[in-house]
């Protein structure tokens, strides 16, 4: 009971100082918690979304932009590439699987992807209802798309050019929803999938000149399907895609294929593993700065608690002497002061953890980008136990000197003086 008596007396004597100290500590813990949750979940999402993709082949430009656009779908394409040139590497002996991607349009900021069914298989996607897309202008939508746009099977919609709202709308062609995917906690949840031909149809002029040019691209000896888009002829010199996702057949592909693409073609090859590591290093600078700021707040709060405990000890010498005269040992007083500091920091840490999780819960509910990224405030990590343990240790360290002073209290002098 002595610890509760001491803490209560401390709170009554210094309510403002106590509130300030706990708030400083809580803010520092909250910042650390937010960074921990955000960083760990973002790293996990990036790793999961890039799993199974060894190389991205697209138009020349920024390799990081190529990865961000074609794997995470949070940037704009570097351009288009000729289907004929992409086919050259799709059937390379070092390539196990090649998946075409055709980008350009969106619906309510959700990107429409022209691709093959292998793209959904890459993320082990399954249907919640309906069917996979089969014909041109059929789409299968992700879980978040269905939830936030309220699209249902059988609904039709017109796509808009680009990612932002307000782009040119293709009202002449309407997509029709054929299916809804189960939640995968991957980038698929925020995508609308269709075939490549649908994206082509949205952007074709349907002029006679284009039809004549397309006809001449079909070999006179017969129709040989493209290995990427079987509905068109192999070697088509007109059709374009945005990029191609490649999975290696053997580790030798990581050595030879990127150099082959970059040096012997007009295309660009970017490694997700290398570029995501580079992305983490870029993000790490900002995270380290915020972490440093949080640690400064925690250190300041620890010093404030130490000063407050030390000063309050002078005012409570009489209380401590009474406790000694009633039978409390020196060791009990020493432990009580240590626990007093620990209880204060533990309370601040718990409040900080609650604040950190609460901020992410609010962000995921109010900010669409946070929700799209899959950041969840209800996820807990083992590192949070380390934060609580560290707060207890901080409280003990802050209370060591005041506890020693309490241990050395001379009850006869204190009682005689009062």
Protein backbone atom coordinates (compact mmCIF):
# COMPACT_ATOMS: atom_id res chain seq x y z
CA UNK A 1 0.00 0.00 0.00
CA UNK A 2 2.92 2.36 0.63
CA UNK A 3 3.65 2.76 -3.09
CA UNK A 4 0.06 3.82 -3.79
CA UNK A 5 0.16 6.28 -0.92
CA UNK A 6 3.40 7.82 -2.23
CA UNK A 7 2.15 8.07 -5.81
CA UNK A 8 -1.14 9.58 -4.65
CA UNK A 9 0.62 12.17 -2.50
CA UNK A 10 2.95 12.99 -5.42
CA UNK A 11 0.03 13.45 -7.80
CA UNK A 12 -1.83 15.67 -5.35
CA UNK A 13 1.23 17.80 -4.62
CA UNK A 14 2.31 18.30 -8.26
CA UNK A 15 -0.61 17.70 -10.65
CA UNK A 16 0.66 20.09 -13.36
CA UNK A 17 4.24 18.77 -13.31
CA UNK A 18 2.97 15.20 -13.36
CA UNK A 19 0.69 15.88 -16.33
CA UNK A 20 3.52 17.57 -18.27
CA UNK A 21 5.99 14.77 -17.55
CA UNK A 22 3.55 12.03 -18.51
CA UNK A 23 2.51 13.92 -21.66
CA UNK A 24 6.11 14.35 -22.82
CA UNK A 25 6.76 10.67 -22.32
CA UNK A 26 3.48 9.72 -23.99
CA UNK A 27 4.25 11.84 -27.05
CA UNK A 28 7.66 10.24 -27.43
CA UNK A 29 6.23 6.72 -27.05
CA UNK A 30 3.37 7.58 -29.45
CA UNK A 31 5.81 8.73 -32.16
CA UNK A 32 7.90 5.56 -31.73
CA UNK A 33 4.75 3.41 -31.86
CA UNK A 34 3.46 5.09 -35.03
CA UNK A 35 6.83 4.71 -36.75
CA UNK A 36 7.10 1.08 -35.62
CA UNK A 37 3.63 0.16 -36.87
CA UNK A 38 3.88 2.14 -40.10
CA UNK A 39 7.41 1.04 -40.96
CA UNK A 40 6.94 -2.64 -40.16
CA UNK A 41 3.61 -2.92 -41.98
CA UNK A 42 4.87 -0.98 -44.99
CA UNK A 43 7.98 -3.15 -45.24
CA UNK A 44 5.82 -6.26 -44.97
CA UNK A 45 3.45 -5.02 -47.67
CA UNK A 46 6.33 -4.12 -49.99
CA UNK A 47 7.94 -7.53 -49.47
CA UNK A 48 4.67 -9.40 -50.00
CA UNK A 49 3.71 -7.45 -53.12
CA UNK A 50 7.13 -7.97 -54.71
CA UNK A 51 7.27 -11.70 -53.88
CA UNK A 52 7.49 -13.84 -57.01
CA UNK A 53 8.57 -10.94 -59.24
CA UNK A 54 12.28 -11.09 -60.06
CA UNK A 55 12.46 -8.41 -62.76
CA UNK A 56 10.32 -5.63 -64.22
CA UNK A 57 10.89 -4.74 -67.87
CA UNK A 58 9.54 -1.43 -69.17
CA UNK A 59 10.39 1.81 -70.91
CA UNK A 60 13.62 3.55 -70.03
CA UNK A 61 13.48 6.04 -67.19
CA UNK A 62 13.77 5.84 -63.43
CA UNK A 63 14.18 2.22 -62.22
CA UNK A 64 12.52 3.09 -58.92
CA UNK A 65 9.58 4.67 -60.75
CA UNK A 66 9.29 1.51 -62.85
CA UNK A 67 9.02 -0.59 -59.68
CA UNK A 68 6.65 1.78 -57.86
CA UNK A 69 4.33 1.97 -60.85
CA UNK A 70 4.21 -1.65 -61.99
CA UNK A 71 4.42 -3.52 -58.68
CA UNK A 72 2.96 -1.17 -56.07
CA UNK A 73 0.87 0.98 -58.46
CA UNK A 74 1.61 4.25 -56.69
CA UNK A 75 3.41 6.12 -59.49
CA UNK A 76 3.03 6.91 -63.17
CA UNK A 77 4.42 4.73 -65.99
CA UNK A 78 7.76 5.56 -67.57
CA UNK A 79 6.14 4.99 -70.96
CA UNK A 80 5.05 2.12 -73.19
CA UNK A 81 7.06 -0.61 -74.87
CA UNK A 82 6.44 -2.46 -78.12
CA UNK A 83 4.83 -5.86 -77.68
CA UNK A 84 7.17 -7.24 -80.31
CA UNK A 85 10.25 -6.20 -78.35
CA UNK A 86 8.83 -7.54 -75.06
CA UNK A 87 8.18 -10.94 -76.68
CA UNK A 88 11.88 -11.25 -77.37
CA UNK A 89 12.54 -11.66 -73.64
CA UNK A 90 9.26 -13.35 -72.66
CA UNK A 91 10.41 -16.61 -74.27
CA UNK A 92 14.03 -16.36 -73.18
CA UNK A 93 15.47 -19.61 -71.85
CA UNK A 94 16.12 -17.95 -68.45
CA UNK A 95 12.49 -16.78 -68.06
CA UNK A 96 10.03 -19.05 -66.29
CA UNK A 97 7.01 -16.76 -66.52
CA UNK A 98 6.31 -13.37 -68.11
CA UNK A 99 3.18 -11.37 -67.25
CA UNK A 100 2.15 -8.36 -69.40
CA UNK A 101 0.76 -5.19 -67.83
CA UNK A 102 -1.12 -2.46 -69.69
CA UNK A 103 -1.85 0.66 -67.62
CA UNK A 104 -3.30 4.09 -68.27
CA UNK A 105 -6.83 4.34 -66.86
CA UNK A 106 -8.54 4.27 -63.49
CA UNK A 107 -11.93 4.42 -61.84
CA UNK A 108 -12.31 6.67 -58.77
CA UNK A 109 -8.50 6.62 -58.41
CA UNK A 110 -8.37 2.79 -58.50
CA UNK A 111 -6.06 1.66 -61.28
CA UNK A 112 -7.33 -0.54 -64.10
CA UNK A 113 -4.76 -3.19 -65.09
CA UNK A 114 -4.80 -4.99 -68.40
CA UNK A 115 -3.07 -8.30 -67.80
CA UNK A 116 -3.42 -12.09 -67.87
CA UNK A 117 -4.88 -14.45 -65.26
CA UNK A 118 -1.30 -15.29 -64.25
CA UNK A 119 -1.15 -11.91 -62.48
CA UNK A 120 -3.95 -12.91 -60.09
CA UNK A 121 -2.33 -16.33 -59.62
CA UNK A 122 0.89 -14.58 -58.62
CA UNK A 123 -0.83 -13.32 -55.44
CA UNK A 124 -2.87 -16.53 -54.96
CA UNK A 125 -6.08 -14.58 -55.45
CA UNK A 126 -9.46 -16.28 -55.16
CA UNK A 127 -12.97 -15.15 -56.01
CA UNK A 128 -15.41 -13.99 -53.35
CA UNK A 129 -18.22 -13.94 -55.90
CA UNK A 130 -18.73 -14.01 -59.65
CA UNK A 131 -16.17 -15.02 -62.26
CA UNK A 132 -12.80 -13.95 -63.62
CA UNK A 133 -12.77 -11.63 -66.60
CA UNK A 134 -12.99 -13.52 -69.88
CA UNK A 135 -13.97 -11.09 -72.66
CA UNK A 136 -12.93 -7.59 -73.60
CA UNK A 137 -14.30 -4.97 -71.16
CA UNK A 138 -14.98 -7.60 -68.49
CA UNK A 139 -13.35 -6.77 -65.14
CA UNK A 140 -12.74 -8.49 -61.81
CA UNK A 141 -12.32 -6.05 -58.94
CA UNK A 142 -10.37 -6.13 -55.67
CA UNK A 143 -11.95 -6.23 -52.20
CA UNK A 144 -11.24 -2.58 -51.36
CA UNK A 145 -12.52 -1.44 -54.75
CA UNK A 146 -15.80 -3.27 -54.22
CA UNK A 147 -16.15 -1.96 -50.67
CA UNK A 148 -15.36 1.69 -51.33
CA UNK A 149 -16.84 2.19 -54.81
CA UNK A 150 -19.93 0.02 -54.08
CA UNK A 151 -19.56 -1.73 -57.42
CA UNK A 152 -21.45 -5.02 -57.71
CA UNK A 153 -21.51 -7.85 -60.22
CA UNK A 154 -23.30 -6.65 -63.35
CA UNK A 155 -22.57 -2.97 -62.76
CA UNK A 156 -21.01 -0.94 -65.56
CA UNK A 157 -18.69 2.05 -65.35
CA UNK A 158 -16.55 4.28 -67.54
CA UNK A 159 -12.85 4.62 -66.89
CA UNK A 160 -10.95 7.89 -66.67
CA UNK A 161 -7.52 8.60 -68.11
CA UNK A 162 -4.74 8.70 -65.54
CA UNK A 163 -4.93 8.12 -61.79
CA UNK A 164 -6.35 11.41 -60.51
CA UNK A 165 -10.05 12.25 -60.48
CA UNK A 166 -11.19 14.58 -63.23
CA UNK A 167 -9.32 12.95 -66.10
CA UNK A 168 -10.80 12.39 -69.56
CA UNK A 169 -13.59 9.81 -69.26
CA UNK A 170 -14.03 7.08 -71.89
CA UNK A 171 -17.82 7.22 -71.99
CA UNK A 172 -17.99 5.39 -75.32
CA UNK A 173 -16.86 2.16 -73.69
CA UNK A 174 -18.27 0.77 -70.45
CA UNK A 175 -16.58 -1.88 -68.34
CA UNK A 176 -18.80 -4.53 -66.77
CA UNK A 177 -18.06 -6.12 -63.38
CA UNK A 178 -17.91 -9.90 -63.64
CA UNK A 179 -16.38 -10.81 -60.28
CA UNK A 180 -15.04 -9.67 -56.92
CA UNK A 181 -11.83 -11.07 -55.45
CA UNK A 182 -11.40 -12.15 -51.85
CA UNK A 183 -9.22 -9.92 -49.70
CA UNK A 184 -5.55 -10.81 -50.20
CA UNK A 185 -3.98 -8.00 -48.12
CA UNK A 186 -1.92 -7.21 -51.19
CA UNK A 187 -1.96 -4.63 -53.95
CA UNK A 188 -4.72 -6.64 -55.68
CA UNK A 189 -7.26 -5.35 -53.16
CA UNK A 190 -6.96 -1.89 -54.77
CA UNK A 191 -6.93 -2.94 -58.43
CA UNK A 192 -9.42 -3.53 -61.24
CA UNK A 193 -8.23 -6.37 -63.47
CA UNK A 194 -9.14 -6.93 -67.09
CA UNK A 195 -7.44 -8.22 -70.23
CA UNK A 196 -4.88 -6.25 -72.21
CA UNK A 197 -7.25 -5.96 -75.17
CA UNK A 198 -9.66 -3.89 -73.05
CA UNK A 199 -7.00 -1.25 -72.40
CA UNK A 200 -6.10 -1.21 -76.08
CA UNK A 201 -9.75 -0.75 -77.08
CA UNK A 202 -10.12 2.21 -74.73
CA UNK A 203 -7.31 4.07 -76.48
CA UNK A 204 -7.75 3.03 -80.10
CA UNK A 205 -8.86 5.58 -82.69
CA UNK A 206 -10.52 2.87 -84.80
CA UNK A 207 -9.32 4.68 -87.90
CA UNK A 208 -8.89 2.93 -91.21
CA UNK A 209 -5.18 3.67 -91.21
CA UNK A 210 -4.68 1.90 -87.92
CA UNK A 211 -6.68 -1.12 -89.06
CA UNK A 212 -4.65 -1.36 -92.25
CA UNK A 213 -1.41 -1.11 -90.28
CA UNK A 214 -2.61 -3.80 -87.89
CA UNK A 215 -3.56 -6.08 -90.75
CA UNK A 216 -0.08 -5.86 -92.25
CA UNK A 217 1.42 -6.91 -88.90
CA UNK A 218 -0.19 -10.38 -89.14
CA UNK A 219 2.17 -12.83 -90.89
CA UNK A 220 0.98 -13.89 -94.30
CA UNK A 221 1.79 -17.53 -93.63
CA UNK A 222 -0.73 -17.84 -90.81
CA UNK A 223 -1.64 -16.62 -87.37
CA UNK A 224 0.98 -17.30 -84.68
CA UNK A 225 -0.23 -16.11 -81.26
CA UNK A 226 1.87 -13.80 -79.15
CA UNK A 227 3.36 -15.45 -76.03
CA UNK A 228 2.18 -12.44 -73.97
CA UNK A 229 -1.22 -11.64 -75.51
CA UNK A 230 -2.46 -14.70 -77.42
CA UNK A 231 -5.26 -12.83 -79.20
CA UNK A 232 -2.78 -10.89 -81.36
CA UNK A 233 -0.13 -12.13 -83.72
CA UNK A 234 3.38 -12.77 -82.60
CA UNK A 235 5.68 -10.01 -83.78
CA UNK A 236 2.94 -7.36 -83.95
CA UNK A 237 4.74 -4.08 -84.59
CA UNK A 238 1.82 -1.83 -83.59
CA UNK A 239 0.57 -3.00 -80.21
CA UNK A 240 2.17 -1.74 -77.00
CA UNK A 241 2.11 -2.66 -73.33
CA UNK A 242 3.34 -0.75 -70.29
CA UNK A 243 5.63 -3.36 -68.77
CA UNK A 244 6.32 -7.03 -68.23
CA UNK A 245 6.81 -8.85 -64.92
CA UNK A 246 9.38 -11.63 -65.12
CA UNK A 247 10.08 -14.65 -62.93
CA UNK A 248 13.46 -16.34 -63.42
CA UNK A 249 13.81 -19.99 -64.29
CA UNK A 250 17.15 -20.22 -62.47
CA UNK A 251 19.45 -17.95 -60.41
CA UNK A 252 21.50 -17.43 -63.57
CA UNK A 253 18.74 -15.14 -64.80
CA UNK A 254 19.57 -12.54 -62.14
CA UNK A 255 23.10 -12.34 -63.53
CA UNK A 256 22.47 -12.31 -67.26
CA UNK A 257 18.97 -11.05 -68.02
CA UNK A 258 19.06 -7.49 -66.57
CA UNK A 259 22.33 -6.76 -68.36
CA UNK A 260 20.96 -8.27 -71.58
CA UNK A 261 17.80 -6.13 -71.48
CA UNK A 262 19.57 -2.89 -70.59
CA UNK A 263 22.44 -3.22 -73.06
CA UNK A 264 20.88 -4.92 -76.08
CA UNK A 265 17.44 -3.33 -76.35
CA UNK A 266 15.61 -0.03 -75.95
CA UNK A 267 13.94 -1.43 -72.83
CA UNK A 268 14.88 -1.08 -69.18
CA UNK A 269 15.10 -3.83 -66.56
CA UNK A 270 14.72 -3.05 -62.85
CA UNK A 271 15.18 -5.47 -59.97
CA UNK A 272 12.48 -5.20 -57.27
CA UNK A 273 14.89 -6.52 -54.61
CA UNK A 274 17.49 -3.84 -55.36
CA UNK A 275 15.05 -0.97 -55.79
CA UNK A 276 13.01 -1.79 -52.67
CA UNK A 277 16.24 -1.92 -50.64
CA UNK A 278 17.04 1.51 -52.05
CA UNK A 279 13.53 2.69 -51.17
CA UNK A 280 13.96 1.46 -47.58
CA UNK A 281 17.23 3.38 -47.30
CA UNK A 282 15.54 6.57 -48.54
CA UNK A 283 12.66 6.11 -46.11
CA UNK A 284 15.10 5.27 -43.32
CA UNK A 285 16.51 8.81 -43.25
CA UNK A 286 13.15 10.34 -42.36
CA UNK A 287 12.34 7.54 -39.92
CA UNK A 288 15.67 7.99 -38.15
CA UNK A 289 15.08 11.74 -37.76
CA UNK A 290 11.62 11.19 -36.26
CA UNK A 291 12.96 8.41 -34.04
CA UNK A 292 15.69 10.75 -32.79
CA UNK A 293 13.07 13.39 -31.99
CA UNK A 294 11.01 10.80 -30.07
CA UNK A 295 14.04 9.65 -28.06
CA UNK A 296 14.83 13.27 -27.15
CA UNK A 297 11.27 13.66 -25.81
CA UNK A 298 11.65 10.46 -23.78
CA UNK A 299 15.00 11.54 -22.33
CA UNK A 300 13.58 14.96 -21.42
CA UNK A 301 10.59 13.32 -19.74
CA UNK A 302 12.94 11.00 -17.81
CA UNK A 303 14.98 13.98 -16.58
CA UNK A 304 11.79 15.82 -15.64
CA UNK A 305 10.55 12.86 -13.63
CA UNK A 306 13.92 12.64 -11.87
CA UNK A 307 13.88 16.36 -10.99
CA UNK A 308 10.26 16.20 -9.86
CA UNK A 309 10.87 13.16 -7.67
CA UNK A 310 14.02 14.68 -6.19
CA UNK A 311 12.30 17.98 -5.36
CA UNK A 312 9.15 16.33 -4.05
CA UNK A 313 11.26 14.13 -1.76
CA UNK A 314 12.25 17.20 0.25
CA UNK A 315 8.59 18.01 0.80
CA UNK A 316 7.74 14.44 1.78
CA UNK A 317 10.54 13.73 4.22
CA UNK A 318 8.09 13.94 7.12
CA UNK A 319 5.77 11.36 5.44
CA UNK A 320 8.71 9.02 4.89
CA UNK A 321 9.83 9.44 8.50
CA UNK A 322 6.31 8.60 9.73
CA UNK A 323 6.33 5.48 7.57
CA UNK A 324 9.70 4.48 9.08
CA UNK A 325 8.41 5.05 12.61
CA UNK A 326 5.39 2.82 11.82
CA UNK A 327 7.66 -0.07 10.94
CA UNK A 328 8.66 0.46 7.30
CA UNK A 329 12.26 -0.57 6.65
CA UNK A 330 14.84 1.45 4.69
CA UNK A 331 14.68 -1.14 1.92
CA UNK A 332 10.91 -0.81 1.68
CA UNK A 333 11.19 2.95 1.25
CA UNK A 334 13.92 2.51 -1.36
CA UNK A 335 11.80 0.05 -3.37
CA UNK A 336 8.69 2.24 -2.96
CA UNK A 337 10.41 5.26 -4.52
CA UNK A 338 11.73 3.11 -7.38
CA UNK A 339 8.23 1.76 -7.99
CA UNK A 340 6.84 5.27 -7.83
CA UNK A 341 9.05 6.35 -10.75
CA UNK A 342 8.27 3.12 -12.63
CA UNK A 343 4.50 3.51 -12.22
CA UNK A 344 4.64 7.06 -13.59
CA UNK A 345 6.65 6.08 -16.68
CA UNK A 346 4.61 2.91 -17.20
CA UNK A 347 1.41 4.94 -17.18
CA UNK A 348 2.91 7.38 -19.68
CA UNK A 349 4.07 4.52 -21.92
CA UNK A 350 0.69 2.81 -21.93
CA UNK A 351 -0.94 6.14 -22.79
CA UNK A 352 1.62 6.64 -25.58
CA UNK A 353 0.97 3.18 -27.05
CA UNK A 354 -2.78 3.82 -27.01
CA UNK A 355 -2.23 7.20 -28.68
CA UNK A 356 0.01 5.67 -31.36
CA UNK A 357 -2.47 2.93 -32.26
CA UNK A 358 -5.34 5.41 -32.09
CA UNK A 359 -3.67 7.77 -34.58
CA UNK A 360 -3.24 4.96 -37.12
CA UNK A 361 -6.83 3.79 -36.60
CA UNK A 362 -8.02 7.34 -37.34
CA UNK A 363 -5.72 7.66 -40.37
CA UNK A 364 -6.87 4.35 -41.82
CA UNK A 365 -10.47 5.48 -41.41
CA UNK A 366 -10.07 9.03 -42.70
CA UNK A 367 -7.18 8.97 -45.19
CA UNK A 368 -7.82 6.85 -48.27
CA UNK A 369 -4.10 6.46 -49.11
CA UNK A 370 -3.46 4.92 -45.66
CA UNK A 371 -6.33 2.52 -46.16
CA UNK A 372 -5.10 1.60 -49.63
CA UNK A 373 -1.64 0.91 -48.24
CA UNK A 374 -3.20 -1.57 -45.80
CA UNK A 375 -1.91 0.14 -42.66
CA UNK A 376 -3.85 -1.20 -39.67
CA UNK A 377 -3.82 0.37 -36.22
CA UNK A 378 -5.01 -2.84 -34.56
CA UNK A 379 -1.80 -4.74 -35.31
CA UNK A 380 0.52 -5.34 -32.35
CA UNK A 381 4.22 -6.26 -32.40
CA UNK A 382 6.50 -7.84 -29.80
CA UNK A 383 8.65 -4.69 -29.84
CA UNK A 384 5.87 -2.92 -27.95
CA UNK A 385 6.63 -5.09 -24.92
CA UNK A 386 10.21 -3.86 -25.18
CA UNK A 387 8.87 -0.28 -25.11
CA UNK A 388 6.95 -1.03 -21.91
CA UNK A 389 9.99 -2.72 -20.37
CA UNK A 390 12.15 0.23 -21.36
CA UNK A 391 9.72 2.63 -19.72
CA UNK A 392 9.92 0.67 -16.46
CA UNK A 393 13.70 0.79 -16.63
CA UNK A 394 13.60 4.54 -17.36
CA UNK A 395 11.39 5.10 -14.34
CA UNK A 396 13.73 3.12 -12.10
CA UNK A 397 16.79 5.01 -13.35
CA UNK A 398 15.00 8.34 -12.82
CA UNK A 399 14.08 7.33 -9.27
CA UNK A 400 17.44 5.82 -8.18
CA UNK A 401 18.91 8.98 -6.62
CA UNK A 402 15.64 10.01 -4.87
CA UNK A 403 15.32 6.41 -3.62
CA UNK A 404 18.84 6.55 -2.18
CA UNK A 405 17.95 9.81 -0.43
CA UNK A 406 14.85 8.17 1.02
CA UNK A 407 16.94 5.19 2.14
CA UNK A 408 19.27 7.53 4.04
CA UNK A 409 16.47 9.48 5.75
CA UNK A 410 17.24 10.10 9.45
CA UNK A 411 13.83 9.77 11.09
CA UNK A 412 14.90 11.34 14.41
CA UNK A 413 16.17 14.53 12.78
CA UNK A 414 13.16 14.82 10.47
CA UNK A 415 10.60 14.28 13.26
CA UNK A 416 12.48 16.64 15.60
CA UNK A 417 12.65 19.29 12.88
CA UNK A 418 8.88 19.09 12.26
